[in-house]
Amino acid sequence: ALGFSEDSLPVAAGLGLPVVLMHAQGTPETMQIEPTYD
């Protein structure tokens, strides 16, 4: 969701293309280690 790099937001804004923002808890390396939610 444009959160991986600090440059992602300004780059996407400058390109002016549609952006799919996906929700993920953690990173691919860690995301399935006991994910929890309220």
PDB file of all heavy atoms in Angstrom:
ATOM      1  N   ALA A   1       0.830  -1.219   0.000  1.00  0.00           N
ATOM      2  CA  ALA A   1       0.000   0.000   0.000  1.00  0.00           C
ATOM      3  C   ALA A   1       0.858   1.261   0.000  1.00  0.00           C
ATOM      4  O   ALA A   1       0.587   2.230   0.706  1.00  0.00           O
ATOM      5  CB  ALA A   1      -0.969  -0.004   1.178  1.00  0.00           C
ATOM      6  N   LEU A   2       1.918   1.232  -0.801  1.00  0.00           N
ATOM      7  CA  LEU A   2       2.861   2.346  -0.951  1.00  0.00           C
ATOM      8  C   LEU A   2       3.608   2.645   0.348  1.00  0.00           C
ATOM      9  O   LEU A   2       4.036   3.781   0.580  1.00  0.00           O
ATOM     10  CB  LEU A   2       2.156   3.614  -1.463  1.00  0.00           C
ATOM     11  CG  LEU A   2       1.481   3.517  -2.835  1.00  0.00           C
ATOM     12  CD1 LEU A   2       0.817   4.832  -3.201  1.00  0.00           C
ATOM     13  CD2 LEU A   2       2.467   3.099  -3.918  1.00  0.00           C
ATOM     14  N   GLY A   3       3.797   1.608   1.174  1.00  0.00           N
ATOM     15  CA  GLY A   3       4.492   1.811   2.432  1.00  0.00           C
ATOM     16  C   GLY A   3       5.867   1.188   2.511  1.00  0.00           C
ATOM     17  O   GLY A   3       6.555   1.343   3.519  1.00  0.00           O
ATOM     18  N   PHE A   4       6.307   0.495   1.460  1.00  0.00           N
ATOM     19  CA  PHE A   4       7.583  -0.220   1.502  1.00  0.00           C
ATOM     20  C   PHE A   4       8.768   0.741   1.498  1.00  0.00           C
ATOM     21  O   PHE A   4       9.776   0.515   2.179  1.00  0.00           O
ATOM     22  CB  PHE A   4       7.679  -1.163   0.313  1.00  0.00           C
ATOM     23  CG  PHE A   4       8.969  -1.944   0.219  1.00  0.00           C
ATOM     24  CD1 PHE A   4       9.228  -2.973   1.095  1.00  0.00           C
ATOM     25  CD2 PHE A   4       9.912  -1.632  -0.749  1.00  0.00           C
ATOM     26  CE1 PHE A   4      10.419  -3.694   1.007  1.00  0.00           C
ATOM     27  CE2 PHE A   4      11.096  -2.349  -0.855  1.00  0.00           C
ATOM     28  CZ  PHE A   4      11.349  -3.383   0.037  1.00  0.00           C
ATOM     29  N   SER A   5       8.663   1.810   0.720  1.00  0.00           N
ATOM     30  CA  SER A   5       9.745   2.789   0.590  1.00  0.00           C
ATOM     31  C   SER A   5       9.193   4.187   0.820  1.00  0.00           C
ATOM     32  O   SER A   5       8.054   4.485   0.447  1.00  0.00           O
ATOM     33  CB  SER A   5      10.364   2.708  -0.812  1.00  0.00           C
ATOM     34  OG  SER A   5      11.179   3.842  -1.084  1.00  0.00           O
ATOM     35  N   GLU A   6      10.016   5.058   1.395  1.00  0.00           N
ATOM     36  CA  GLU A   6       9.583   6.444   1.595  1.00  0.00           C
ATOM     37  C   GLU A   6       9.400   7.180   0.278  1.00  0.00           C
ATOM     38  O   GLU A   6       8.747   8.229   0.221  1.00  0.00           O
ATOM     39  CB  GLU A   6      10.585   7.190   2.477  1.00  0.00           C
ATOM     40  CG  GLU A   6      11.970   7.333   1.866  1.00  0.00           C
ATOM     41  CD  GLU A   6      12.949   8.045   2.784  1.00  0.00           C
ATOM     42  OE1 GLU A   6      12.632   8.233   3.980  1.00  0.00           O
ATOM     43  OE2 GLU A   6      14.035   8.417   2.299  1.00  0.00           O
ATOM     44  N   ASP A   7       9.946   6.617  -0.799  1.00  0.00           N
ATOM     45  CA  ASP A   7       9.801   7.251  -2.109  1.00  0.00           C
ATOM     46  C   ASP A   7       8.536   6.800  -2.847  1.00  0.00           C
ATOM     47  O   ASP A   7       8.186   7.369  -3.889  1.00  0.00           O
ATOM     48  CB  ASP A   7      11.012   6.929  -2.990  1.00  0.00           C
ATOM     49  CG  ASP A   7      12.295   7.556  -2.470  1.00  0.00           C
ATOM     50  OD1 ASP A   7      12.212   8.659  -1.887  1.00  0.00           O
ATOM     51  OD2 ASP A   7      13.359   6.937  -2.635  1.00  0.00           O
ATOM     52  N   SER A   8       7.856   5.783  -2.331  1.00  0.00           N
ATOM     53  CA  SER A   8       6.729   5.222  -3.068  1.00  0.00           C
ATOM     54  C   SER A   8       5.598   6.230  -3.251  1.00  0.00           C
ATOM     55  O   SER A   8       5.028   6.367  -4.345  1.00  0.00           O
ATOM     56  CB  SER A   8       6.205   3.972  -2.367  1.00  0.00           C
ATOM     57  OG  SER A   8       7.173   2.945  -2.380  1.00  0.00           O
ATOM     58  N   LEU A   9       5.233   6.931  -2.192  1.00  0.00           N
ATOM     59  CA  LEU A   9       4.127   7.890  -2.285  1.00  0.00           C
ATOM     60  C   LEU A   9       4.410   8.999  -3.286  1.00  0.00           C
ATOM     61  O   LEU A   9       3.588   9.250  -4.176  1.00  0.00           O
ATOM     62  CB  LEU A   9       3.812   8.461  -0.903  1.00  0.00           C
ATOM     63  CG  LEU A   9       2.947   7.588   0.004  1.00  0.00           C
ATOM     64  CD1 LEU A   9       3.038   8.072   1.444  1.00  0.00           C
ATOM     65  CD2 LEU A   9       1.502   7.607  -0.464  1.00  0.00           C
ATOM     66  N   PRO A  10       5.543   9.705  -3.181  1.00  0.00           N
ATOM     67  CA  PRO A  10       5.779  10.770  -4.163  1.00  0.00           C
ATOM     68  C   PRO A  10       5.922  10.247  -5.591  1.00  0.00           C
ATOM     69  O   PRO A  10       5.493  10.909  -6.540  1.00  0.00           O
ATOM     70  CB  PRO A  10       7.068  11.438  -3.682  1.00  0.00           C
ATOM     71  CG  PRO A  10       7.705  10.483  -2.737  1.00  0.00           C
ATOM     72  CD  PRO A  10       6.592   9.712  -2.128  1.00  0.00           C
ATOM     73  N   VAL A  11       6.512   9.073  -5.757  1.00  0.00           N
ATOM     74  CA  VAL A  11       6.639   8.512  -7.101  1.00  0.00           C
ATOM     75  C   VAL A  11       5.258   8.201  -7.674  1.00  0.00           C
ATOM     76  O   VAL A  11       4.935   8.568  -8.814  1.00  0.00           O
ATOM     77  CB  VAL A  11       7.525   7.250  -7.097  1.00  0.00           C
ATOM     78  CG1 VAL A  11       7.361   6.453  -8.398  1.00  0.00           C
ATOM     79  CG2 VAL A  11       8.987   7.641  -6.912  1.00  0.00           C
ATOM     80  N   ALA A  12       4.412   7.539  -6.896  1.00  0.00           N
ATOM     81  CA  ALA A  12       3.070   7.211  -7.380  1.00  0.00           C
ATOM     82  C   ALA A  12       2.274   8.477  -7.681  1.00  0.00           C
ATOM     83  O   ALA A  12       1.551   8.545  -8.689  1.00  0.00           O
ATOM     84  CB  ALA A  12       2.337   6.354  -6.350  1.00  0.00           C
ATOM     85  N   ALA A  13       2.407   9.483  -6.823  1.00  0.00           N
ATOM     86  CA  ALA A  13       1.695  10.741  -7.061  1.00  0.00           C
ATOM     87  C   ALA A  13       2.166  11.384  -8.362  1.00  0.00           C
ATOM     88  O   ALA A  13       1.360  11.914  -9.141  1.00  0.00           O
ATOM     89  CB  ALA A  13       1.903  11.691  -5.890  1.00  0.00           C
ATOM     90  N   GLY A  14       3.465  11.331  -8.613  1.00  0.00           N
ATOM     91  CA  GLY A  14       3.999  11.924  -9.828  1.00  0.00           C
ATOM     92  C   GLY A  14       3.606  11.185 -11.092  1.00  0.00           C
ATOM     93  O   GLY A  14       3.400  11.796 -12.144  1.00  0.00           O
ATOM     94  N   LEU A  15       3.465   9.869 -10.987  1.00  0.00           N
ATOM     95  CA  LEU A  15       3.113   9.078 -12.168  1.00  0.00           C
ATOM     96  C   LEU A  15       1.648   9.258 -12.553  1.00  0.00           C
ATOM     97  O   LEU A  15       1.294   9.159 -13.738  1.00  0.00           O
ATOM     98  CB  LEU A  15       3.392   7.598 -11.907  1.00  0.00           C
ATOM     99  CG  LEU A  15       4.868   7.211 -11.763  1.00  0.00           C
ATOM    100  CD1 LEU A  15       4.996   5.749 -11.369  1.00  0.00           C
ATOM    101  CD2 LEU A  15       5.631   7.484 -13.063  1.00  0.00           C
ATOM    102  N   GLY A  16       0.798   9.493 -11.576  1.00  0.00           N
ATOM    103  CA  GLY A  16      -0.616   9.714 -11.866  1.00  0.00           C
ATOM    104  C   GLY A  16      -1.366   8.496 -12.359  1.00  0.00           C
ATOM    105  O   GLY A  16      -2.402   8.622 -13.011  1.00  0.00           O
ATOM    106  N   LEU A  17      -0.860   7.302 -12.040  1.00  0.00           N
ATOM    107  CA  LEU A  17      -1.536   6.066 -12.437  1.00  0.00           C
ATOM    108  C   LEU A  17      -2.455   5.573 -11.311  1.00  0.00           C
ATOM    109  O   LEU A  17      -2.223   5.867 -10.143  1.00  0.00           O
ATOM    110  CB  LEU A  17      -0.506   4.973 -12.735  1.00  0.00           C
ATOM    111  CG  LEU A  17       0.449   5.206 -13.899  1.00  0.00           C
ATOM    112  CD1 LEU A  17       1.411   4.026 -14.015  1.00  0.00           C
ATOM    113  CD2 LEU A  17      -0.308   5.421 -15.192  1.00  0.00           C
ATOM    114  N   PRO A  18      -3.484   4.779 -11.634  1.00  0.00           N
ATOM    115  CA  PRO A  18      -4.262   4.130 -10.588  1.00  0.00           C
ATOM    116  C   PRO A  18      -3.369   3.241  -9.730  1.00  0.00           C
ATOM    117  O   PRO A  18      -2.418   2.636 -10.239  1.00  0.00           O
ATOM    118  CB  PRO A  18      -5.279   3.292 -11.371  1.00  0.00           C
ATOM    119  CG  PRO A  18      -5.353   3.932 -12.718  1.00  0.00           C
ATOM    120  CD  PRO A  18      -3.983   4.467 -12.987  1.00  0.00           C
ATOM    121  N   VAL A  19      -3.691   3.169  -8.441  1.00  0.00           N
ATOM    122  CA  VAL A  19      -2.889   2.400  -7.494  1.00  0.00           C
ATOM    123  C   VAL A  19      -3.794   1.480  -6.686  1.00  0.00           C
ATOM    124  O   VAL A  19      -4.792   1.927  -6.113  1.00  0.00           O
ATOM    125  CB  VAL A  19      -2.114   3.307  -6.520  1.00  0.00           C
ATOM    126  CG1 VAL A  19      -1.259   2.470  -5.573  1.00  0.00           C
ATOM    127  CG2 VAL A  19      -1.248   4.304  -7.275  1.00  0.00           C
ATOM    128  N   VAL A  20      -3.435   0.202  -6.627  1.00  0.00           N
ATOM    129  CA  VAL A  20      -4.117  -0.747  -5.750  1.00  0.00           C
ATOM    130  C   VAL A  20      -3.376  -0.763  -4.415  1.00  0.00           C
ATOM    131  O   VAL A  20      -2.176  -1.066  -4.371  1.00  0.00           O
ATOM    132  CB  VAL A  20      -4.145  -2.164  -6.350  1.00  0.00           C
ATOM    133  CG1 VAL A  20      -4.849  -3.123  -5.393  1.00  0.00           C
ATOM    134  CG2 VAL A  20      -4.817  -2.170  -7.713  1.00  0.00           C
ATOM    135  N   LEU A  21      -4.094  -0.423  -3.344  1.00  0.00           N
ATOM    136  CA  LEU A  21      -3.544  -0.425  -1.996  1.00  0.00           C
ATOM    137  C   LEU A  21      -3.993  -1.694  -1.295  1.00  0.00           C
ATOM    138  O   LEU A  21      -5.190  -1.868  -1.040  1.00  0.00           O
ATOM    139  CB  LEU A  21      -4.046   0.789  -1.217  1.00  0.00           C
ATOM    140  CG  LEU A  21      -3.809   2.172  -1.835  1.00  0.00           C
ATOM    141  CD1 LEU A  21      -4.541   3.229  -1.022  1.00  0.00           C
ATOM    142  CD2 LEU A  21      -2.321   2.484  -1.916  1.00  0.00           C
ATOM    143  N   MET A  22      -3.062  -2.577  -0.999  1.00  0.00           N
ATOM    144  CA  MET A  22      -3.419  -3.824  -0.341  1.00  0.00           C
ATOM    145  C   MET A  22      -3.060  -3.788   1.127  1.00  0.00           C
ATOM    146  O   MET A  22      -2.010  -3.247   1.503  1.00  0.00           O
ATOM    147  CB  MET A  22      -2.726  -5.020  -1.008  1.00  0.00           C
ATOM    148  CG  MET A  22      -3.343  -6.356  -0.632  1.00  0.00           C
ATOM    149  SD  MET A  22      -2.254  -7.767  -0.961  1.00  0.00           S
ATOM    150  CE  MET A  22      -1.123  -7.615   0.433  1.00  0.00           C
ATOM    151  N   HIS A  23      -3.915  -4.382   1.957  1.00  0.00           N
ATOM    152  CA  HIS A  23      -3.614  -4.499   3.379  1.00  0.00           C
ATOM    153  C   HIS A  23      -2.771  -5.736   3.634  1.00  0.00           C
ATOM    154  O   HIS A  23      -3.057  -6.819   3.126  1.00  0.00           O
ATOM    155  CB  HIS A  23      -4.896  -4.612   4.202  1.00  0.00           C
ATOM    156  CG  HIS A  23      -4.635  -4.795   5.666  1.00  0.00           C
ATOM    157  ND1 HIS A  23      -4.396  -6.042   6.226  1.00  0.00           N
ATOM    158  CD2 HIS A  23      -4.527  -3.901   6.681  1.00  0.00           C
ATOM    159  CE1 HIS A  23      -4.167  -5.896   7.528  1.00  0.00           C
ATOM    160  NE2 HIS A  23      -4.251  -4.617   7.821  1.00  0.00           N
ATOM    161  N   ALA A  24      -1.723  -5.569   4.433  1.00  0.00           N
ATOM    162  CA  ALA A  24      -0.916  -6.703   4.890  1.00  0.00           C
ATOM    163  C   ALA A  24      -0.460  -6.409   6.310  1.00  0.00           C
ATOM    164  O   ALA A  24      -0.077  -5.277   6.619  1.00  0.00           O
ATOM    165  CB  ALA A  24       0.287  -6.930   3.984  1.00  0.00           C
ATOM    166  N   GLN A  25      -0.517  -7.416   7.157  1.00  0.00           N
ATOM    167  CA  GLN A  25       0.026  -7.286   8.502  1.00  0.00           C
ATOM    168  C   GLN A  25       1.416  -7.906   8.491  1.00  0.00           C
ATOM    169  O   GLN A  25       1.564  -9.106   8.282  1.00  0.00           O
ATOM    170  CB  GLN A  25      -0.866  -7.989   9.521  1.00  0.00           C
ATOM    171  CG  GLN A  25      -0.454  -7.722  10.972  1.00  0.00           C
ATOM    172  CD  GLN A  25      -1.347  -8.459  11.968  1.00  0.00           C
ATOM    173  OE1 GLN A  25      -1.070  -9.591  12.340  1.00  0.00           O
ATOM    174  NE2 GLN A  25      -2.427  -7.819  12.385  1.00  0.00           N
ATOM    175  N   GLY A  26       2.440  -7.074   8.679  1.00  0.00           N
ATOM    176  CA  GLY A  26       3.806  -7.572   8.619  1.00  0.00           C
ATOM    177  C   GLY A  26       4.332  -7.581   7.196  1.00  0.00           C
ATOM    178  O   GLY A  26       3.767  -6.986   6.280  1.00  0.00           O
ATOM    179  N   THR A  27       5.437  -8.287   6.994  1.00  0.00           N
ATOM    180  CA  THR A  27       6.078  -8.421   5.688  1.00  0.00           C
ATOM    181  C   THR A  27       5.926  -9.866   5.226  1.00  0.00           C
ATOM    182  O   THR A  27       5.577 -10.744   6.017  1.00  0.00           O
ATOM    183  CB  THR A  27       7.575  -8.072   5.793  1.00  0.00           C
ATOM    184  OG1 THR A  27       8.229  -9.058   6.629  1.00  0.00           O
ATOM    185  CG2 THR A  27       7.784  -6.686   6.396  1.00  0.00           C
ATOM    186  N   PRO A  28       6.200 -10.141   3.936  1.00  0.00           N
ATOM    187  CA  PRO A  28       6.110 -11.533   3.487  1.00  0.00           C
ATOM    188  C   PRO A  28       6.926 -12.501   4.334  1.00  0.00           C
ATOM    189  O   PRO A  28       6.509 -13.645   4.547  1.00  0.00           O
ATOM    190  CB  PRO A  28       6.635 -11.458   2.049  1.00  0.00           C
ATOM    191  CG  PRO A  28       6.251 -10.087   1.593  1.00  0.00           C
ATOM    192  CD  PRO A  28       6.446  -9.211   2.804  1.00  0.00           C
ATOM    193  N   GLU A  29       8.080 -12.035   4.854  1.00  0.00           N
ATOM    194  CA  GLU A  29       8.907 -12.912   5.672  1.00  0.00           C
ATOM    195  C   GLU A  29       8.233 -13.275   7.001  1.00  0.00           C
ATOM    196  O   GLU A  29       8.469 -14.351   7.550  1.00  0.00           O
ATOM    197  CB  GLU A  29      10.262 -12.249   5.960  1.00  0.00           C
ATOM    198  CG  GLU A  29      11.138 -12.048   4.733  1.00  0.00           C
ATOM    199  CD  GLU A  29      10.944 -10.696   4.066  1.00  0.00           C
ATOM    200  OE1 GLU A  29       9.842 -10.118   4.163  1.00  0.00           O
ATOM    201  OE2 GLU A  29      11.896 -10.219   3.445  1.00  0.00           O
ATOM    202  N   THR A  30       7.417 -12.369   7.551  1.00  0.00           N
ATOM    203  CA  THR A  30       6.913 -12.544   8.919  1.00  0.00           C
ATOM    204  C   THR A  30       5.396 -12.623   9.034  1.00  0.00           C
ATOM    205  O   THR A  30       4.885 -12.950  10.112  1.00  0.00           O
ATOM    206  CB  THR A  30       7.373 -11.357   9.793  1.00  0.00           C
ATOM    207  OG1 THR A  30       6.774 -10.134   9.300  1.00  0.00           O
ATOM    208  CG2 THR A  30       8.891 -11.204   9.762  1.00  0.00           C
ATOM    209  N   MET A  31       4.670 -12.361   7.959  1.00  0.00           N
ATOM    210  CA  MET A  31       3.235 -12.076   8.078  1.00  0.00           C
ATOM    211  C   MET A  31       2.394 -13.250   8.587  1.00  0.00           C
ATOM    212  O   MET A  31       1.311 -13.040   9.132  1.00  0.00           O
ATOM    213  CB  MET A  31       2.676 -11.585   6.743  1.00  0.00           C
ATOM    214  CG  MET A  31       2.759 -12.576   5.602  1.00  0.00           C
ATOM    215  SD  MET A  31       2.307 -11.775   4.047  1.00  0.00           S
ATOM    216  CE  MET A  31       2.440 -13.170   2.909  1.00  0.00           C
ATOM    217  N   GLN A  32       2.856 -14.478   8.418  1.00  0.00           N
ATOM    218  CA  GLN A  32       2.042 -15.609   8.858  1.00  0.00           C
ATOM    219  C   GLN A  32       2.476 -16.171  10.211  1.00  0.00           C
ATOM    220  O   GLN A  32       2.062 -17.255  10.610  1.00  0.00           O
ATOM    221  CB  GLN A  32       2.065 -16.710   7.799  1.00  0.00           C
ATOM    222  CG  GLN A  32       1.335 -16.338   6.508  1.00  0.00           C
ATOM    223  CD  GLN A  32      -0.078 -15.828   6.743  1.00  0.00           C
ATOM    224  OE1 GLN A  32      -0.373 -14.669   6.509  1.00  0.00           O
ATOM    225  NE2 GLN A  32      -0.957 -16.702   7.216  1.00  0.00           N
ATOM    226  N   ILE A  33       3.291 -15.389  10.924  1.00  0.00           N
ATOM    227  CA  ILE A  33       3.702 -15.804  12.267  1.00  0.00           C
ATOM    228  C   ILE A  33       2.687 -15.264  13.267  1.00  0.00           C
ATOM    229  O   ILE A  33       2.764 -14.119  13.723  1.00  0.00           O
ATOM    230  CB  ILE A  33       5.122 -15.297  12.602  1.00  0.00           C
ATOM    231  CG1 ILE A  33       6.128 -15.811  11.568  1.00  0.00           C
ATOM    232  CG2 ILE A  33       5.532 -15.736  14.007  1.00  0.00           C
ATOM    233  CD1 ILE A  33       7.529 -15.252  11.741  1.00  0.00           C
ATOM    234  N   GLU A  34       1.672 -16.069  13.567  1.00  0.00           N
ATOM    235  CA  GLU A  34       0.638 -15.756  14.553  1.00  0.00           C
ATOM    236  C   GLU A  34       0.014 -14.370  14.358  1.00  0.00           C
ATOM    237  O   GLU A  34       0.055 -13.519  15.269  1.00  0.00           O
ATOM    238  CB  GLU A  34       1.207 -15.871  15.967  1.00  0.00           C
ATOM    239  CG  GLU A  34       1.700 -17.282  16.294  1.00  0.00           C
ATOM    240  CD  GLU A  34       2.178 -17.412  17.732  1.00  0.00           C
ATOM    241  OE1 GLU A  34       2.092 -16.422  18.484  1.00  0.00           O
ATOM    242  OE2 GLU A  34       2.638 -18.505  18.092  1.00  0.00           O
ATOM    243  N   PRO A  35      -0.580 -14.100  13.192  1.00  0.00           N
ATOM    244  CA  PRO A  35      -1.262 -12.806  13.009  1.00  0.00           C
ATOM    245  C   PRO A  35      -2.467 -12.692  13.934  1.00  0.00           C
ATOM    246  O   PRO A  35      -3.210 -13.654  14.131  1.00  0.00           O
ATOM    247  CB  PRO A  35      -1.693 -12.844  11.540  1.00  0.00           C
ATOM    248  CG  PRO A  35      -1.769 -14.295  11.194  1.00  0.00           C
ATOM    249  CD  PRO A  35      -0.705 -14.970  12.007  1.00  0.00           C
ATOM    250  N   THR A  36      -2.645 -11.502  14.518  1.00  0.00           N
ATOM    251  CA  THR A  36      -3.755 -11.286  15.446  1.00  0.00           C
ATOM    252  C   THR A  36      -4.453  -9.962  15.130  1.00  0.00           C
ATOM    253  O   THR A  36      -3.827  -9.011  14.649  1.00  0.00           O
ATOM    254  CB  THR A  36      -3.275 -11.254  16.904  1.00  0.00           C
ATOM    255  OG1 THR A  36      -2.285 -10.214  17.051  1.00  0.00           O
ATOM    256  CG2 THR A  36      -2.667 -12.584  17.314  1.00  0.00           C
ATOM    257  N   TYR A  37      -5.750  -9.927  15.426  1.00  0.00           N
ATOM    258  CA  TYR A  37      -6.564  -8.728  15.236  1.00  0.00           C
ATOM    259  C   TYR A  37      -7.574  -8.652  16.376  1.00  0.00           C
ATOM    260  O   TYR A  37      -7.978  -9.681  16.934  1.00  0.00           O
ATOM    261  CB  TYR A  37      -7.332  -8.785  13.905  1.00  0.00           C
ATOM    262  CG  TYR A  37      -6.453  -8.826  12.680  1.00  0.00           C
ATOM    263  CD1 TYR A  37      -5.979 -10.045  12.185  1.00  0.00           C
ATOM    264  CD2 TYR A  37      -6.087  -7.660  12.018  1.00  0.00           C
ATOM    265  CE1 TYR A  37      -5.172 -10.095  11.059  1.00  0.00           C
ATOM    266  CE2 TYR A  37      -5.277  -7.699  10.894  1.00  0.00           C
ATOM    267  CZ  TYR A  37      -4.822  -8.912  10.419  1.00  0.00           C
ATOM    268  OH  TYR A  37      -4.018  -8.958   9.309  1.00  0.00           O
ATOM    269  N   ASP A  38      -8.009  -7.448  16.702  1.00  0.00           N
ATOM    270  CA  ASP A  38      -9.144  -7.307  17.618  1.00  0.00           C
ATOM    271  C   ASP A  38     -10.422  -7.734  16.906  1.00  0.00           C
ATOM    272  O   ASP A  38     -11.230  -8.483  17.445  1.00  0.00           O
ATOM    273  CB  ASP A  38      -9.260  -5.863  18.100  1.00  0.00           C
ATOM    274  CG  ASP A  38      -8.110  -5.467  19.003  1.00  0.00           C
ATOM    275  OD1 ASP A  38      -7.566  -6.353  19.701  1.00  0.00           O
ATOM    276  OD2 ASP A  38      -7.745  -4.277  19.014  1.00  0.00           O
TER     277      ASP A  38
END
